[in-house]
C-alpha atoms as a PDB file:
ATOM      1  CA  MET A   1       0.000   0.000   0.000  1.00  0.00           C
ATOM      2  CA  SER A   2       1.338   3.443  -0.863  1.00  0.00           C
ATOM      3  CA  GLU A   3       2.304   5.978   1.753  1.00  0.00           C
ATOM      4  CA  ALA A   4      -0.533   8.243   0.525  1.00  0.00           C
ATOM      5  CA  ALA A   5      -3.089   5.635   1.552  1.00  0.00           C
ATOM      6  CA  HIS A   6      -1.925   5.839   5.177  1.00  0.00           C
ATOM      7  CA  HIS A   7      -2.934   9.481   5.713  1.00  0.00           C
ATOM      8  CA  HIS A   8      -6.284   9.004   7.403  1.00  0.00           C
ATOM      9  CA  ASP A   9      -6.093  12.267   9.361  1.00  0.00           C
ATOM     10  CA  GLN A  10      -6.190  14.504   6.296  1.00  0.00           C
ATOM     11  CA  VAL A  11      -9.320  16.296   5.153  1.00  0.00           C
ATOM     12  CA  PRO A  12     -10.846  15.600   1.731  1.00  0.00           C
ATOM     13  CA  ASN A  13      -9.516  17.589  -1.228  1.00  0.00           C
ATOM     14  CA  GLY A  14     -11.098  21.006  -1.570  1.00  0.00           C
ATOM     15  CA  THR A  15     -12.018  21.354   2.092  1.00  0.00           C
ATOM     16  CA  SER A  16      -8.618  22.114   3.590  1.00  0.00           C
ATOM     17  CA  LEU A  17      -9.368  25.837   3.834  1.00  0.00           C
ATOM     18  CA  LEU A  18     -12.627  25.270   5.690  1.00  0.00           C
ATOM     19  CA  PRO A  19     -12.461  25.337   9.477  1.00  0.00           C
ATOM     20  CA  GLY A  20     -13.375  22.108  11.219  1.00  0.00           C
ATOM     21  CA  ASN A  21     -15.333  23.828  13.966  1.00  0.00           C
ATOM     22  CA  LEU A  22     -16.083  27.497  14.496  1.00  0.00           C
ATOM     23  CA  THR A  23     -16.356  28.965  17.933  1.00  0.00           C
ATOM     24  CA  GLU A  24     -19.451  31.061  18.577  1.00  0.00           C
ATOM     25  CA  ASP A  25     -17.340  34.243  18.373  1.00  0.00           C
ATOM     26  CA  GLN A  26     -15.818  33.149  15.056  1.00  0.00           C
ATOM     27  CA  LEU A  27     -19.244  32.347  13.671  1.00  0.00           C
ATOM     28  CA  LYS A  28     -20.608  35.745  14.730  1.00  0.00           C
ATOM     29  CA  SER A  29     -17.671  37.567  13.116  1.00  0.00           C
ATOM     30  CA  ALA A  30     -17.645  35.516   9.898  1.00  0.00           C
ATOM     31  CA  PRO A  31     -18.390  37.475   6.740  1.00  0.00           C
ATOM     32  CA  ALA A  32     -21.855  37.014   5.289  1.00  0.00           C
ATOM     33  CA  LEU A  33     -23.594  38.270   2.195  1.00  0.00           C
ATOM     34  CA  ALA A  34     -26.255  40.854   2.896  1.00  0.00           C
ATOM     35  CA  SER A  35     -28.092  39.677  -0.199  1.00  0.00           C
ATOM     36  CA  VAL A  36     -27.762  37.079  -2.930  1.00  0.00           C
ATOM     37  CA  ASP A  37     -27.764  40.075  -5.281  1.00  0.00           C
ATOM     38  CA  ALA A  38     -24.123  40.587  -4.304  1.00  0.00           C
ATOM     39  CA  LEU A  39     -23.376  37.504  -6.388  1.00  0.00           C
ATOM     40  CA  LEU A  40     -24.890  38.939  -9.553  1.00  0.00           C
ATOM     41  CA  ILE A  41     -22.497  39.374 -12.441  1.00  0.00           C
ATOM     42  CA  ASP A  42     -23.015  42.108 -15.045  1.00  0.00           C
ATOM     43  CA  ASP A  43     -22.985  41.386 -18.778  1.00  0.00           C
ATOM     44  CA  LEU A  44     -23.933  37.707 -18.654  1.00  0.00           C
ATOM     45  CA  THR A  45     -25.638  36.218 -21.683  1.00  0.00           C
ATOM     46  CA  ASP A  46     -29.145  34.879 -21.140  1.00  0.00           C
ATOM     47  CA  ASP A  47     -27.800  31.312 -21.156  1.00  0.00           C
ATOM     48  CA  GLU A  48     -25.086  32.170 -18.630  1.00  0.00           C
ATOM     49  CA  ASP A  49     -27.620  33.951 -16.427  1.00  0.00           C
ATOM     50  CA  ASP A  50     -29.959  30.952 -16.539  1.00  0.00           C
ATOM     51  CA  ALA A  51     -27.095  28.580 -15.664  1.00  0.00           C
ATOM     52  CA  PHE A  52     -25.991  30.811 -12.790  1.00  0.00           C
ATOM     53  CA  ALA A  53     -29.523  31.038 -11.404  1.00  0.00           C
ATOM     54  CA  ALA A  54     -29.877  27.258 -11.650  1.00  0.00           C
ATOM     55  CA  ALA A  55     -26.603  26.802  -9.761  1.00  0.00           C
ATOM     56  CA  LEU A  56     -27.822  29.086  -6.960  1.00  0.00           C
ATOM     57  CA  ASP A  57     -31.046  27.085  -6.687  1.00  0.00           C
ATOM     58  CA  ALA A  58     -29.181  23.764  -6.478  1.00  0.00           C
END
């Protein structure tokens, strides 16, 4: 078995920047969007806009 297979304490790929547990103070001070409108991107084609809206609904 390779050495890579022995690393059971590592987090899955793509989640290494996410905290494991937030304290209540960290959670209260975490940034949050005031509105989903902050995610809107100008100059999208209709198809891109539809795909983006579908992704937000998923």
